[in-house]
């Protein structure tokens, strides 16, 4: 079991397994967030304190990026229309990951519309 938490600890997400791969995207929002996204099925993710995040939705209105209402740290994103069968946790919020053992996929989201592969 691993836990991802915002800086103040108000928002915690847990999953059974640590990521073996994360994605760094250079689209207009991801590059500003500096997130490394670990993908999971929504059924695999437990959010311990519902209602403690504020979603940010923009552009094509397909994703909601969630941040802690207290400290402002981005914790995860979720699909709004159900088209995505996955969600992403900001793996930078997980203490103790061995980054030498995790593949970092660099994705050029700034130059493609097919950014959800």
N, C-alpha and C. Protein backbone atom coordinates (compact mmCIF):
# COMPACT_ATOMS: atom_id res chain seq x y z
N UNK A 1 0.84 -1.18 0.00
CA UNK A 1 0.00 0.00 0.00
C UNK A 1 0.89 1.24 0.00
N UNK A 2 0.60 2.18 -0.89
CA UNK A 2 1.30 3.45 -0.87
C UNK A 2 0.30 4.57 -0.66
N UNK A 3 0.80 5.68 -0.16
CA UNK A 3 -0.06 6.83 0.11
C UNK A 3 0.55 8.07 -0.53
N UNK A 4 -0.29 8.81 -1.23
CA UNK A 4 0.09 10.11 -1.76
C UNK A 4 -0.65 11.15 -0.94
N UNK A 5 0.06 12.16 -0.49
CA UNK A 5 -0.57 13.18 0.35
C UNK A 5 -0.11 14.56 -0.08
N UNK A 6 -1.01 15.52 0.06
CA UNK A 6 -0.64 16.91 -0.19
C UNK A 6 0.30 17.37 0.92
N UNK A 7 0.79 18.57 0.84
CA UNK A 7 1.78 19.07 1.80
C UNK A 7 1.23 19.12 3.22
N UNK A 8 -0.01 19.57 3.40
CA UNK A 8 -0.57 19.71 4.75
C UNK A 8 -1.20 18.42 5.27
N UNK A 9 -1.38 17.43 4.39
CA UNK A 9 -1.95 16.16 4.81
C UNK A 9 -3.47 16.10 4.81
N UNK A 10 -4.12 17.16 4.36
CA UNK A 10 -5.58 17.17 4.34
C UNK A 10 -6.14 16.22 3.28
N UNK A 11 -5.40 15.99 2.20
CA UNK A 11 -5.84 15.09 1.13
C UNK A 11 -4.86 13.94 1.03
N UNK A 12 -5.40 12.72 1.14
CA UNK A 12 -4.57 11.52 1.02
C UNK A 12 -5.25 10.56 0.06
N UNK A 13 -4.44 9.97 -0.81
CA UNK A 13 -4.91 8.96 -1.75
C UNK A 13 -4.08 7.72 -1.53
N UNK A 14 -4.71 6.56 -1.53
CA UNK A 14 -3.97 5.32 -1.36
C UNK A 14 -4.27 4.38 -2.52
N UNK A 15 -3.25 3.60 -2.87
CA UNK A 15 -3.35 2.54 -3.88
C UNK A 15 -2.53 1.36 -3.39
N UNK A 16 -2.83 0.20 -3.92
CA UNK A 16 -2.16 -1.03 -3.46
C UNK A 16 -0.70 -1.11 -3.90
N UNK A 17 -0.39 -0.61 -5.11
CA UNK A 17 0.95 -0.81 -5.65
C UNK A 17 1.60 0.51 -6.05
N UNK A 18 2.90 0.57 -5.87
CA UNK A 18 3.67 1.73 -6.31
C UNK A 18 3.75 1.72 -7.83
N UNK A 19 3.86 2.88 -8.43
CA UNK A 19 3.97 2.91 -9.89
C UNK A 19 5.32 2.37 -10.36
N UNK A 20 5.30 1.71 -11.51
CA UNK A 20 6.54 1.29 -12.15
C UNK A 20 6.90 2.24 -13.29
N UNK A 21 5.91 3.08 -13.68
CA UNK A 21 6.09 4.07 -14.73
C UNK A 21 5.25 5.29 -14.37
N UNK A 22 5.78 6.46 -14.65
CA UNK A 22 5.04 7.71 -14.50
C UNK A 22 5.21 8.51 -15.79
N UNK A 23 4.33 9.47 -15.98
CA UNK A 23 4.39 10.31 -17.17
C UNK A 23 4.65 11.76 -16.77
N UNK A 24 5.64 12.35 -17.43
CA UNK A 24 5.86 13.79 -17.35
C UNK A 24 5.40 14.37 -18.68
N UNK A 25 4.44 15.25 -18.62
CA UNK A 25 3.85 15.84 -19.81
C UNK A 25 4.24 17.31 -19.88
N UNK A 26 4.41 17.82 -21.10
CA UNK A 26 4.78 19.22 -21.26
C UNK A 26 3.62 20.08 -21.78
N UNK A 27 2.38 19.60 -21.63
CA UNK A 27 1.25 20.43 -22.03
C UNK A 27 1.20 21.67 -21.14
N UNK A 28 0.35 22.60 -21.47
CA UNK A 28 0.34 23.89 -20.79
C UNK A 28 0.08 23.80 -19.29
N UNK A 29 -0.69 22.82 -18.85
CA UNK A 29 -0.94 22.72 -17.40
C UNK A 29 0.07 21.81 -16.71
N UNK A 30 0.37 20.67 -17.29
CA UNK A 30 1.27 19.72 -16.62
C UNK A 30 2.66 20.29 -16.41
N UNK A 31 3.17 21.05 -17.38
CA UNK A 31 4.51 21.62 -17.20
C UNK A 31 4.51 22.65 -16.09
N UNK A 32 3.40 23.33 -15.89
CA UNK A 32 3.32 24.30 -14.79
C UNK A 32 3.17 23.60 -13.43
N UNK A 33 2.46 22.49 -13.44
CA UNK A 33 2.27 21.75 -12.20
C UNK A 33 3.53 21.00 -11.78
N UNK A 34 4.34 20.57 -12.75
CA UNK A 34 5.54 19.80 -12.43
C UNK A 34 5.22 18.41 -11.93
N UNK A 35 4.06 17.91 -12.29
CA UNK A 35 3.61 16.60 -11.79
C UNK A 35 4.26 15.46 -12.55
N UNK A 36 4.35 14.33 -11.89
CA UNK A 36 4.66 13.05 -12.51
C UNK A 36 3.43 12.19 -12.27
N UNK A 37 2.72 11.87 -13.34
CA UNK A 37 1.43 11.19 -13.23
C UNK A 37 1.57 9.68 -13.22
N UNK A 38 1.03 9.05 -12.20
CA UNK A 38 0.94 7.59 -12.10
C UNK A 38 -0.51 7.23 -12.36
N UNK A 39 -0.74 6.36 -13.34
CA UNK A 39 -2.11 6.03 -13.76
C UNK A 39 -2.64 4.79 -13.07
N UNK A 40 -3.90 4.88 -12.67
CA UNK A 40 -4.60 3.77 -12.02
C UNK A 40 -6.06 3.77 -12.46
N UNK A 41 -6.70 2.62 -12.32
CA UNK A 41 -8.14 2.56 -12.49
C UNK A 41 -8.77 3.30 -11.32
N UNK A 42 -9.83 4.07 -11.55
CA UNK A 42 -10.47 4.77 -10.43
C UNK A 42 -10.88 3.84 -9.28
N UNK A 43 -11.19 2.60 -9.60
CA UNK A 43 -11.59 1.66 -8.55
C UNK A 43 -10.42 1.26 -7.65
N UNK A 44 -9.19 1.49 -8.10
CA UNK A 44 -8.00 1.15 -7.32
C UNK A 44 -7.59 2.24 -6.33
N UNK A 45 -8.14 3.43 -6.51
CA UNK A 45 -7.71 4.59 -5.72
C UNK A 45 -8.73 4.90 -4.63
N UNK A 46 -8.24 5.03 -3.43
CA UNK A 46 -9.08 5.44 -2.30
C UNK A 46 -8.67 6.85 -1.92
N UNK A 47 -9.63 7.76 -1.88
CA UNK A 47 -9.38 9.13 -1.44
C UNK A 47 -9.90 9.22 -0.02
N UNK A 48 -8.98 9.45 0.92
CA UNK A 48 -9.35 9.34 2.33
C UNK A 48 -10.21 10.49 2.83
N UNK A 49 -10.08 11.65 2.24
CA UNK A 49 -10.88 12.80 2.69
C UNK A 49 -11.56 13.44 1.50
N UNK A 50 -12.71 12.93 1.12
CA UNK A 50 -13.48 13.50 0.02
C UNK A 50 -13.91 14.92 0.40
N UNK A 51 -14.04 15.77 -0.59
CA UNK A 51 -14.51 17.12 -0.34
C UNK A 51 -13.43 18.10 0.06
N UNK A 52 -12.20 17.62 0.21
CA UNK A 52 -11.10 18.50 0.60
C UNK A 52 -10.34 19.05 -0.60
N UNK A 53 -10.78 18.70 -1.81
CA UNK A 53 -10.09 19.20 -2.99
C UNK A 53 -10.96 20.19 -3.74
N UNK A 54 -10.28 21.00 -4.53
CA UNK A 54 -10.95 21.94 -5.42
C UNK A 54 -10.56 21.56 -6.84
N UNK A 55 -11.52 21.22 -7.71
CA UNK A 55 -11.18 20.84 -9.08
C UNK A 55 -10.94 22.06 -9.96
N UNK A 56 -10.07 21.89 -10.93
CA UNK A 56 -9.83 22.88 -11.96
C UNK A 56 -10.10 22.22 -13.30
N UNK A 57 -11.01 22.79 -14.07
CA UNK A 57 -11.42 22.25 -15.37
C UNK A 57 -11.20 23.33 -16.41
N UNK A 58 -10.64 22.95 -17.54
CA UNK A 58 -10.37 23.94 -18.59
C UNK A 58 -10.48 23.30 -19.96
N UNK A 59 -10.32 24.09 -20.99
CA UNK A 59 -10.23 23.61 -22.37
C UNK A 59 -11.41 22.76 -22.79
N UNK A 60 -11.12 21.52 -23.16
CA UNK A 60 -12.15 20.62 -23.69
C UNK A 60 -13.03 20.02 -22.59
N UNK A 61 -12.77 20.38 -21.35
CA UNK A 61 -13.59 19.98 -20.20
C UNK A 61 -13.69 18.46 -20.06
N UNK A 62 -12.58 17.78 -20.31
CA UNK A 62 -12.53 16.32 -20.19
C UNK A 62 -11.96 15.87 -18.85
N UNK A 63 -11.07 16.70 -18.26
CA UNK A 63 -10.39 16.33 -17.03
C UNK A 63 -10.61 17.38 -15.95
N UNK A 64 -10.63 16.91 -14.72
CA UNK A 64 -10.64 17.80 -13.56
C UNK A 64 -9.35 17.55 -12.79
N UNK A 65 -8.53 18.59 -12.68
CA UNK A 65 -7.31 18.53 -11.90
C UNK A 65 -7.66 18.96 -10.48
N UNK A 66 -7.36 18.11 -9.51
CA UNK A 66 -7.74 18.39 -8.13
C UNK A 66 -6.55 18.88 -7.32
N UNK A 67 -6.79 19.89 -6.49
CA UNK A 67 -5.77 20.40 -5.59
C UNK A 67 -6.38 20.53 -4.20
N UNK A 68 -5.53 20.48 -3.21
CA UNK A 68 -5.96 20.63 -1.82
C UNK A 68 -6.49 22.04 -1.60
N UNK A 69 -7.64 22.15 -0.95
CA UNK A 69 -8.21 23.46 -0.64
C UNK A 69 -7.37 24.23 0.37
N UNK A 70 -6.57 23.52 1.16
CA UNK A 70 -5.79 24.18 2.21
C UNK A 70 -4.41 24.62 1.72
N UNK A 71 -3.61 23.67 1.22
CA UNK A 71 -2.22 24.01 0.85
C UNK A 71 -2.02 24.24 -0.64
N UNK A 72 -2.98 23.88 -1.47
CA UNK A 72 -2.90 24.14 -2.90
C UNK A 72 -2.15 23.12 -3.73
N UNK A 73 -1.65 22.06 -3.14
CA UNK A 73 -0.89 21.06 -3.89
C UNK A 73 -1.83 20.23 -4.78
N UNK A 74 -1.43 20.04 -6.04
CA UNK A 74 -2.20 19.22 -6.97
C UNK A 74 -2.01 17.76 -6.62
N UNK A 75 -3.12 17.06 -6.41
CA UNK A 75 -3.06 15.67 -5.95
C UNK A 75 -3.37 14.65 -7.03
N UNK A 76 -4.31 14.95 -7.94
CA UNK A 76 -4.72 13.97 -8.93
C UNK A 76 -5.58 14.63 -10.01
N UNK A 77 -5.83 13.85 -11.07
CA UNK A 77 -6.85 14.26 -12.02
C UNK A 77 -7.80 13.10 -12.27
N UNK A 78 -9.02 13.47 -12.66
CA UNK A 78 -10.07 12.49 -12.96
C UNK A 78 -10.77 12.89 -14.24
N UNK A 79 -11.27 11.89 -14.96
CA UNK A 79 -12.05 12.12 -16.18
C UNK A 79 -13.42 12.64 -15.79
N UNK A 80 -13.90 13.63 -16.50
CA UNK A 80 -15.24 14.18 -16.24
C UNK A 80 -16.34 13.47 -17.01
N UNK A 81 -16.01 13.01 -18.22
CA UNK A 81 -17.04 12.42 -19.07
C UNK A 81 -17.03 10.89 -19.06
N UNK A 82 -16.15 10.30 -18.28
CA UNK A 82 -16.08 8.84 -18.22
C UNK A 82 -15.36 8.20 -19.38
N UNK A 83 -14.87 9.00 -20.33
CA UNK A 83 -14.17 8.46 -21.49
C UNK A 83 -12.86 7.80 -21.08
N UNK A 84 -12.24 8.33 -20.05
CA UNK A 84 -10.99 7.74 -19.55
C UNK A 84 -11.32 6.68 -18.51
N UNK A 85 -10.75 5.53 -18.69
CA UNK A 85 -10.94 4.44 -17.73
C UNK A 85 -9.84 4.44 -16.69
N UNK A 86 -9.20 5.58 -16.54
CA UNK A 86 -8.11 5.71 -15.58
C UNK A 86 -8.16 7.10 -14.97
N UNK A 87 -7.42 7.23 -13.89
CA UNK A 87 -7.18 8.53 -13.29
C UNK A 87 -5.70 8.59 -12.99
N UNK A 88 -5.22 9.76 -12.61
CA UNK A 88 -3.80 9.91 -12.35
C UNK A 88 -3.57 10.51 -10.98
N UNK A 89 -2.61 9.96 -10.30
CA UNK A 89 -2.15 10.47 -9.01
C UNK A 89 -0.83 11.18 -9.25
N UNK A 90 -0.65 12.32 -8.62
CA UNK A 90 0.64 13.02 -8.71
C UNK A 90 1.64 12.25 -7.84
N UNK A 91 2.48 11.47 -8.49
CA UNK A 91 3.43 10.61 -7.77
C UNK A 91 4.47 11.40 -7.00
N UNK A 92 4.63 12.67 -7.29
CA UNK A 92 5.56 13.49 -6.50
C UNK A 92 5.06 13.67 -5.07
N UNK A 93 3.82 13.31 -4.81
CA UNK A 93 3.25 13.41 -3.46
C UNK A 93 3.44 12.13 -2.65
N UNK A 94 4.14 11.15 -3.21
CA UNK A 94 4.39 9.89 -2.51
C UNK A 94 5.81 9.93 -1.93
N UNK A 95 5.90 9.85 -0.62
CA UNK A 95 7.22 9.82 0.02
C UNK A 95 7.84 8.43 -0.15
N UNK A 96 9.14 8.40 -0.33
CA UNK A 96 9.88 7.14 -0.31
C UNK A 96 9.92 6.35 -1.60
N UNK A 97 9.44 6.90 -2.71
CA UNK A 97 9.55 6.17 -3.97
C UNK A 97 11.00 6.12 -4.40
N UNK A 98 11.41 4.98 -4.96
CA UNK A 98 12.76 4.83 -5.49
C UNK A 98 12.72 5.24 -6.96
N UNK A 99 13.00 6.51 -7.23
CA UNK A 99 12.88 7.04 -8.59
C UNK A 99 13.85 6.38 -9.56
N UNK A 100 14.91 5.76 -9.07
CA UNK A 100 15.83 5.06 -9.97
C UNK A 100 15.20 3.80 -10.55
N UNK A 101 14.13 3.31 -9.94
CA UNK A 101 13.48 2.08 -10.40
C UNK A 101 12.16 2.36 -11.13
N UNK A 102 11.82 3.62 -11.32
CA UNK A 102 10.57 3.98 -11.98
C UNK A 102 10.88 4.59 -13.34
N UNK A 103 10.26 4.02 -14.37
CA UNK A 103 10.45 4.56 -15.73
C UNK A 103 9.69 5.88 -15.83
N UNK A 104 10.37 6.91 -16.33
CA UNK A 104 9.74 8.21 -16.52
C UNK A 104 9.50 8.40 -18.01
N UNK A 105 8.24 8.41 -18.37
CA UNK A 105 7.84 8.57 -19.77
C UNK A 105 7.65 10.06 -20.03
N UNK A 106 8.39 10.60 -20.97
CA UNK A 106 8.26 12.01 -21.33
C UNK A 106 7.28 12.10 -22.48
N UNK A 107 6.18 12.80 -22.24
CA UNK A 107 5.12 12.88 -23.24
C UNK A 107 5.00 14.30 -23.77
N UNK A 108 4.98 14.44 -25.07
CA UNK A 108 4.88 15.74 -25.72
C UNK A 108 3.41 16.15 -25.88
N UNK A 109 2.78 16.47 -24.78
CA UNK A 109 1.38 16.88 -24.80
C UNK A 109 1.17 18.26 -25.38
N UNK A 110 2.23 19.04 -25.50
CA UNK A 110 2.11 20.38 -26.07
C UNK A 110 1.90 20.34 -27.58
N UNK A 111 2.30 19.25 -28.20
CA UNK A 111 2.24 19.18 -29.67
C UNK A 111 1.37 18.04 -30.19
N UNK A 112 0.44 17.58 -29.38
CA UNK A 112 -0.45 16.52 -29.83
C UNK A 112 -1.81 16.70 -29.19
N UNK A 113 -2.83 16.26 -29.90
CA UNK A 113 -4.18 16.26 -29.32
C UNK A 113 -4.50 14.91 -28.74
N UNK A 114 -3.68 13.92 -29.00
CA UNK A 114 -3.92 12.56 -28.52
C UNK A 114 -3.14 12.33 -27.24
N UNK A 115 -3.35 13.22 -26.26
CA UNK A 115 -2.53 13.19 -25.05
C UNK A 115 -2.98 12.18 -24.02
N UNK A 116 -4.00 11.42 -24.27
CA UNK A 116 -4.50 10.50 -23.27
C UNK A 116 -4.12 9.04 -23.53
N UNK A 117 -3.21 8.78 -24.44
CA UNK A 117 -2.77 7.39 -24.69
C UNK A 117 -2.04 6.82 -23.53
